[in-house]
Protein backbone atom coordinates (compact mmCIF):
# COMPACT_ATOMS: atom_id res chain seq x y z
CA MET A 1 123.72 211.11 98.37
CA THR A 2 120.29 211.93 96.86
CA THR A 3 118.51 209.85 93.76
CA ALA A 4 119.68 211.98 91.39
CA GLU A 5 123.39 211.39 92.15
CA ARG A 6 123.34 207.53 91.23
CA MET A 7 125.67 206.05 88.99
CA LEU A 8 125.40 202.96 87.25
CA GLY A 9 128.03 201.10 85.49
CA PHE A 10 127.18 198.43 83.09
CA VAL A 11 130.33 195.82 80.99
CA VAL A 12 129.33 193.22 78.49
CA ASN A 13 131.15 190.43 78.20
CA PRO A 14 130.96 190.00 73.73
CA ILE A 15 131.64 186.65 73.34
CA ALA A 16 129.93 185.34 76.75
CA GLY A 17 126.79 182.39 75.45
CA MET A 18 128.82 182.08 71.92
CA GLY A 19 129.21 178.45 72.81
CA GLY A 20 125.79 177.34 74.15
CA ALA A 21 123.96 177.18 70.61
CA VAL A 22 126.44 174.93 68.98
CA GLY A 23 126.95 172.63 71.98
CA LEU A 24 130.23 173.88 73.69
CA LYS A 25 128.78 174.34 77.03
CA GLY A 26 130.95 178.09 77.22
CA THR A 27 133.68 179.89 75.59
CA ASP A 28 136.54 179.96 78.24
CA GLY A 29 139.39 180.00 75.90
CA LYS A 30 140.55 181.45 72.41
CA ASP A 31 140.44 177.99 70.67
CA VAL A 32 137.37 177.28 72.05
CA LEU A 33 135.84 180.70 70.96
CA GLU A 34 137.72 179.72 67.21
CA LYS A 35 135.61 176.29 67.33
CA ALA A 36 132.51 178.27 68.17
CA LYS A 37 132.92 180.73 65.58
CA SER A 38 133.56 177.69 62.83
CA LEU A 39 130.57 176.08 64.18
CA GLY A 40 128.38 179.00 63.42
CA ALA A 41 128.00 180.57 66.76
CA LYS A 42 126.61 184.31 66.52
CA PRO A 43 127.39 187.00 69.46
CA VAL A 44 124.48 186.20 72.25
CA ALA A 45 125.53 189.20 74.41
CA PRO A 46 124.38 192.01 72.14
CA ALA A 47 120.72 191.30 71.42
CA ARG A 48 120.88 190.48 75.53
CA ALA A 49 122.66 193.92 76.93
CA GLU A 50 120.11 195.63 74.44
CA GLU A 51 117.07 193.94 76.23
CA PHE A 52 117.99 195.08 79.55
CA LEU A 53 119.46 198.36 78.64
CA SER A 54 116.05 199.46 76.48
CA ARG A 55 113.70 198.00 79.45
CA LEU A 56 115.84 200.08 81.69
CA ALA A 57 115.08 203.17 79.76
CA SER A 58 111.46 202.54 79.51
CA ILE A 59 111.41 202.80 83.38
CA ARG A 60 113.81 205.71 83.45
CA PRO A 61 115.57 205.78 86.83
CA ASN A 62 117.19 209.39 87.57
CA PHE A 63 121.08 208.06 86.96
CA SER A 64 123.73 208.13 85.72
CA LEU A 65 125.83 205.96 83.42
CA LEU A 66 129.30 204.97 82.67
CA VAL A 67 129.68 202.06 80.16
CA GLY A 68 132.68 199.45 78.72
CA ALA A 69 134.18 201.01 75.54
CA ALA A 70 133.32 199.61 71.95
CA LEU A 71 131.77 196.17 72.32
CA MET A 72 131.75 196.48 76.00
CA GLY A 73 128.71 198.25 76.50
CA GLU A 74 129.37 201.38 74.42
CA SER A 75 127.75 200.15 71.04
CA GLU A 76 124.48 198.54 72.54
CA THR A 77 124.04 201.97 74.63
CA GLU A 78 124.08 203.88 71.51
CA LYS A 79 121.47 202.24 69.78
CA VAL A 80 119.18 202.49 73.08
CA GLY A 81 119.69 206.17 72.97
CA LEU A 82 120.92 207.01 76.38
CA LYS A 83 123.29 209.30 77.76
CA PHE A 84 126.54 207.76 79.02
CA LYS A 85 130.39 207.86 80.14
CA VAL A 86 132.69 205.55 77.94
CA VAL A 87 135.06 203.78 80.45
CA GLY A 88 137.92 201.84 78.87
CA LYS A 89 139.74 201.65 75.49
CA ARG A 90 137.87 200.55 72.20
CA LYS A 91 138.63 197.22 70.55
CA LYS A 92 138.02 194.51 68.38
CA GLU A 93 138.29 191.76 70.31
CA THR A 94 138.80 192.05 74.30
CA THR A 95 139.66 189.64 77.05
CA ALA A 96 138.81 188.73 80.58
CA GLU A 97 141.52 191.30 81.79
CA ASP A 98 139.34 194.03 79.69
CA THR A 99 136.29 193.31 81.67
CA LYS A 100 138.57 193.39 84.83
CA THR A 101 140.12 196.68 84.06
CA VAL A 102 136.91 198.72 83.12
CA ALA A 103 134.86 197.38 86.60
CA LYS A 104 137.94 198.44 88.61
CA THR A 105 138.06 201.73 86.83
CA MET A 106 134.10 202.22 87.56
CA ILE A 107 134.82 201.74 91.23
CA ASP A 108 137.66 204.67 90.98
CA TYR A 109 134.56 207.04 89.14
CA GLY A 110 132.03 205.77 92.23
CA VAL A 111 129.49 203.58 90.68
CA ASN A 112 126.55 202.61 93.06
CA LEU A 113 125.65 199.64 91.35
CA LEU A 114 128.07 197.69 88.39
CA VAL A 115 125.90 195.48 85.90
CA PHE A 116 127.78 192.93 83.84
CA CYS A 117 126.44 190.70 80.97
CA GLY A 118 128.19 187.12 81.05
CA GLY A 119 128.15 183.92 82.75
CA ASP A 120 129.91 182.51 85.57
CA GLY A 121 133.39 183.18 84.50
CA THR A 122 132.13 187.02 83.84
CA ALA A 123 131.25 186.37 87.29
CA ARG A 124 134.84 185.43 88.20
CA ASP A 125 136.18 188.22 86.48
CA VAL A 126 133.95 190.99 88.02
CA LEU A 127 134.43 189.73 91.53
CA ASP A 128 138.41 189.41 90.81
CA ALA A 129 137.94 192.95 90.29
CA VAL A 130 135.40 194.24 92.42
CA ASP A 131 135.02 192.26 95.24
CA MET A 132 132.40 193.69 98.00
CA LYS A 133 133.46 197.14 97.31
CA VAL A 134 129.83 197.50 95.54
CA PRO A 135 127.07 196.04 94.83
CA VAL A 136 126.81 194.29 91.60
CA LEU A 137 123.72 192.54 89.25
CA GLY A 138 124.38 189.85 86.49
CA VAL A 139 122.09 189.92 83.24
CA PRO A 140 122.10 186.30 81.64
CA THR A 141 124.01 186.00 78.98
CA GLY A 142 126.76 183.04 79.43
CA VAL A 143 125.94 179.12 78.98
CA LYS A 144 126.72 178.80 82.59
CA MET A 145 125.02 180.66 85.31
CA HIS A 146 125.62 178.70 88.40
CA SER A 147 126.19 181.59 90.66
CA ALA A 148 123.38 183.81 92.46
CA VAL A 149 124.49 186.92 91.35
CA PHE A 150 122.36 187.06 88.29
CA ALA A 151 118.76 188.01 87.74
CA VAL A 152 116.33 185.56 85.94
CA ASN A 153 116.38 187.73 82.74
CA PRO A 154 117.44 190.97 81.09
CA ARG A 155 114.13 192.50 81.86
CA SER A 156 114.27 191.65 85.30
CA ALA A 157 117.95 193.11 85.48
CA ALA A 158 116.52 196.28 84.60
CA GLU A 159 113.58 196.50 87.54
CA ILE A 160 116.08 195.16 90.03
CA ALA A 161 118.59 197.91 88.66
CA ALA A 162 116.01 200.67 88.60
CA ARG A 163 114.85 199.96 91.84
CA PHE A 164 117.78 199.43 93.71
CA LEU A 165 119.20 202.78 92.20
CA LEU A 166 115.63 204.25 93.85
CA GLY A 167 116.63 202.80 97.37
CA GLU A 168 113.81 200.36 97.26
CA LEU A 169 115.78 197.21 97.31
CA PRO A 170 118.25 195.67 100.18
CA LEU A 171 121.93 194.04 99.58
CA ARG A 172 122.69 190.29 100.32
CA GLU A 173 125.58 188.26 99.82
CA ALA A 174 125.34 186.11 96.70
CA GLU A 175 127.47 183.02 95.73
CA VAL A 176 129.95 183.35 93.00
CA MET A 177 130.02 179.15 91.69
CA ASP A 178 132.69 178.63 88.36
CA VAL A 179 132.46 175.10 86.42
CA ASP A 180 135.23 173.24 85.15
CA GLU A 181 134.32 174.14 81.16
CA GLU A 182 137.00 171.35 80.23
CA ALA A 183 135.13 168.81 82.38
CA PHE A 184 132.30 169.78 81.71
CA ARG A 185 132.63 169.41 78.10
CA ASP A 186 133.07 165.89 78.74
CA GLY A 187 130.08 165.43 80.59
CA ARG A 188 131.33 166.16 84.04
CA LEU A 189 130.29 168.91 86.34
CA SER A 190 133.26 169.92 88.46
CA ALA A 191 131.81 173.37 90.51
CA ARG A 192 133.01 175.18 93.14
CA LEU A 193 132.39 178.22 95.02
CA TYR A 194 134.49 181.08 94.06
CA GLY A 195 133.24 183.68 96.64
CA TYR A 196 130.62 186.20 97.19
CA MET A 197 129.47 189.63 95.66
CA LEU A 198 126.82 192.15 97.19
CA VAL A 199 123.59 191.99 95.10
CA PRO A 200 120.40 193.87 95.10
CA TYR A 201 117.55 190.89 96.47
CA GLU A 202 114.36 190.73 94.78
CA PRO A 203 113.91 186.90 95.28
CA SER A 204 111.27 186.38 92.34
CA LEU A 205 113.64 188.67 90.32
CA ILE A 206 117.25 186.73 91.12
CA GLN A 207 118.08 183.34 90.05
CA GLY A 208 118.86 180.97 93.11
CA MET A 209 122.47 179.06 93.07
CA LYS A 210 121.95 175.91 90.97
CA LEU A 211 121.55 172.84 93.61
CA ALA A 212 122.77 169.41 93.19
CA THR A 213 119.58 166.99 93.89
CA PRO A 214 121.17 164.39 96.58
CA ALA A 215 121.12 160.84 94.86
CA THR A 216 119.07 159.20 97.54
CA GLU A 217 117.46 155.68 97.62
CA GLU A 218 114.23 157.34 97.02
CA GLU A 219 115.46 159.76 94.80
CA LEU A 220 116.37 157.05 92.48
CA ARG A 221 113.49 155.30 92.88
CA ASN A 222 111.70 158.04 91.71
CA GLN A 223 113.99 158.64 88.62
CA ALA A 224 113.47 155.25 87.25
CA ALA A 225 109.60 155.35 87.93
CA ILE A 226 109.55 158.45 85.66
CA ALA A 227 111.64 156.59 82.62
CA VAL A 228 109.64 153.58 82.84
CA TYR A 229 106.33 155.64 82.19
CA MET A 230 108.15 157.73 79.74
CA ILE A 231 109.40 154.57 77.86
CA GLU A 232 106.18 153.41 77.83
CA ARG A 233 104.72 156.00 76.47
CA MET A 234 107.18 156.66 73.46
CA GLU A 235 105.41 156.99 69.60
CA PRO A 236 107.18 155.04 67.04
CA ASP A 237 109.79 156.79 64.57
CA VAL A 238 108.93 160.28 66.74
CA ILE A 239 112.40 161.79 67.37
CA TYR A 240 113.12 162.87 71.44
CA VAL A 241 115.02 165.82 72.23
CA LEU A 242 116.63 164.70 75.44
CA GLY A 243 118.03 167.65 77.49
CA PRO A 244 120.38 167.34 80.00
CA GLY A 245 120.53 165.88 83.24
CA THR A 246 120.34 162.82 85.84
CA THR A 247 116.53 162.18 85.06
CA THR A 248 116.89 162.33 81.57
CA ARG A 249 119.46 160.29 81.35
CA THR A 250 117.94 157.18 83.56
CA ILE A 251 115.13 157.28 80.96
CA THR A 252 118.52 156.01 78.16
CA ASP A 253 119.73 153.78 81.13
CA LEU A 254 116.68 151.64 81.17
CA LEU A 255 116.93 151.55 77.55
CA GLU A 256 120.70 150.36 77.78
CA GLU A 257 121.64 153.66 75.65
CA LYS A 258 124.68 155.86 76.56
CA LYS A 259 123.41 159.15 77.23
CA THR A 260 125.35 162.31 77.84
CA LEU A 261 125.19 164.01 81.04
CA LEU A 262 125.45 167.44 80.05
CA GLY A 263 124.71 167.64 76.44
CA VAL A 264 121.31 167.10 74.16
CA ASP A 265 120.88 163.97 72.43
CA LEU A 266 118.39 162.28 69.99
CA LEU A 267 116.57 158.99 70.62
CA GLN A 268 114.15 157.42 67.99
CA ASN A 269 112.63 154.07 68.44
CA LYS A 270 114.19 153.61 71.30
CA LYS A 271 117.79 154.09 70.30
CA ILE A 272 120.13 157.02 70.40
CA ILE A 273 120.60 158.56 66.92
CA ALA A 274 123.27 161.42 68.07
CA ARG A 275 124.69 162.17 71.30
CA ASP A 276 126.05 165.69 72.51
CA VAL A 277 123.81 167.61 69.52
CA ASN A 278 124.03 171.30 69.02
CA GLU A 279 121.25 173.49 67.58
CA ARG A 280 121.74 172.78 63.64
CA GLN A 281 121.79 169.29 64.33
CA ILE A 282 119.23 169.19 65.88
CA LEU A 283 116.84 170.98 63.25
CA GLU A 284 118.22 169.34 60.50
CA ALA A 285 116.97 165.84 62.53
CA VAL A 286 113.27 167.26 63.60
CA ARG A 287 112.95 169.27 60.62
CA GLY A 288 109.77 167.82 58.78
CA GLN A 289 109.81 164.98 61.32
CA LYS A 290 107.42 163.99 63.89
CA ALA A 291 109.51 165.22 67.71
CA LYS A 292 109.34 165.92 71.23
CA ILE A 293 111.53 167.93 73.64
CA VAL A 294 112.04 166.29 76.77
CA VAL A 295 113.97 168.68 80.03
CA THR A 296 114.15 168.46 83.51
CA PRO A 297 114.38 171.38 85.45
CA ILE A 298 117.19 172.99 87.27
CA GLY A 299 117.61 172.17 90.76
CA GLY A 300 117.48 175.25 92.97
CA GLN A 301 116.56 177.63 90.16
CA GLY A 302 113.45 175.88 88.26
CA PHE A 303 114.63 176.83 84.34
CA ILE A 304 113.52 174.41 81.90
CA PHE A 305 114.91 176.42 78.98
CA GLY A 306 117.76 179.22 78.73
CA ARG A 307 120.46 177.11 81.26
CA GLY A 308 122.62 174.88 79.87
CA ASN A 309 120.47 173.95 77.62
CA GLN A 310 120.82 176.59 74.54
CA GLN A 311 121.32 173.53 71.97
CA ILE A 312 117.53 173.82 72.66
CA SER A 313 117.02 177.29 70.88
CA PRO A 314 113.84 178.97 70.27
CA ALA A 315 114.16 177.95 66.11
CA VAL A 316 113.89 174.55 67.78
CA ILE A 317 111.13 174.53 70.14
CA ARG A 318 109.05 176.44 67.32
CA GLU A 319 110.09 173.60 65.01
CA VAL A 320 109.20 171.06 67.47
CA GLY A 321 106.29 173.01 68.60
CA LEU A 322 105.38 173.83 72.02
CA ASP A 323 102.86 170.98 72.77
CA ASN A 324 105.16 168.86 72.02
CA VAL A 325 107.22 169.78 75.17
CA ILE A 326 107.49 167.22 78.28
CA VAL A 327 108.84 168.26 81.29
CA ILE A 328 110.05 165.48 83.90
CA ALA A 329 111.14 165.80 87.60
CA THR A 330 110.99 164.08 90.56
CA LYS A 331 108.89 165.36 93.62
CA GLN A 332 112.11 166.32 95.59
CA LYS A 333 113.63 168.17 92.52
CA LEU A 334 109.87 170.24 92.43
CA SER A 335 109.11 170.60 96.45
CA GLY A 336 112.29 173.15 96.28
CA LEU A 337 110.79 175.24 93.31
CA LYS A 338 108.06 177.42 93.73
CA SER A 339 107.46 177.39 89.93
CA LEU A 340 108.96 176.56 86.80
CA ARG A 341 111.26 179.37 84.82
CA VAL A 342 112.14 179.84 81.27
CA ASP A 343 114.70 182.56 79.10
CA THR A 344 115.14 181.30 76.26
CA GLY A 345 116.29 184.65 74.91
CA ASP A 346 113.42 185.01 72.55
CA SER A 347 110.62 187.24 74.55
CA GLU A 348 107.64 186.42 72.61
CA LEU A 349 108.33 182.53 72.71
CA ASP A 350 108.63 182.96 76.69
CA LYS A 351 105.71 184.82 76.80
CA MET A 352 104.19 181.87 74.81
CA LEU A 353 105.55 179.17 77.06
CA LYS A 354 104.44 181.22 80.71
CA GLY A 355 101.55 179.66 82.15
CA TYR A 356 100.69 176.55 83.82
CA ILE A 357 102.36 173.20 82.20
CA ARG A 358 102.16 169.59 82.60
CA VAL A 359 104.95 168.09 84.68
CA VAL A 360 105.37 163.91 84.82
CA THR A 361 106.53 163.63 88.60
CA ASP A 362 105.94 159.73 88.84
CA TYR A 363 104.66 156.71 87.57
CA GLY A 364 101.35 157.89 85.79
CA GLU A 365 101.50 160.76 87.90
CA GLU A 366 101.46 164.52 86.70
CA ARG A 367 100.97 167.78 88.17
CA LEU A 368 100.32 171.33 86.71
CA VAL A 369 102.97 173.70 87.38
CA ARG A 370 103.20 177.14 86.89
CA VAL A 371 105.87 178.38 84.08
CA GLU A 372 107.16 182.21 84.99
């Protein structure tokens, strides 16, 4: 098959990611989506889809394009100006079954690569439809993205897609993970391997599967040492925005305060003042106040923003200030990461965050780590 005959399929889950900024940790289930909307959640997927398509258009690989109808890809592709053929029925609201139907139809058309915008739930839907029949690639759009089928951001997805269509990248089997959202909202992380899909392999542009850091005695000691150091450095009246994770939770454990494991919490004068807050609540609390953000990277992936902590949005980061971002990580976790990553959804902010950042790794110990 010549390069000119290559075909790309593109499908968007239009509601993916809407639960992130409002603190709902996903949008699986109609009731949850309605709650997200009532809290002021805005669609995330369209902008991420446009970013992917715009970058793809600028690269201009020679391929034909199939897109999902209406909100499932057609709307974004029209805005970018790429030529395309529509697959599926135009609907005002879509379901997982629509994603599966569009994906199966694209396989029948003979696509060489299927790109989807969504999170782990969408990856599961695509797996159900595609299995190992064609290579796939995820544009990260959801709240839960534990799977290894996603590019690190929409621009990286475009680079991977173009290079694969030009025959420059090999394939590998990548894990599709998913999380029990009800357990996740209750602060319990219950993830399991759902299956595998074929993904174009470019290790610097594909995220790894989320890995839990083993709770060894040395790891727990290291977390405690970091927590003591952070507590000793806390300033009076400053609001500390604590991201998810066991390392951040250790800080409040030592203060005998109860932090949510998977949510974002606010700490002031060594007391929790708000638990499991969303973007709006954080902004209301920190506006006009001195504040700091404390986050820890995701094991195996290295993201400090944009995965599982979308409540700490670009607006929150800009309000608090880049100089007031504190990253903490145990030595064991850092040893498994080549660098840190950001994917806030704001490309300009991502550029500002890139470079080198100090990471607290033990009591009185810090390391300069590169942010990509």
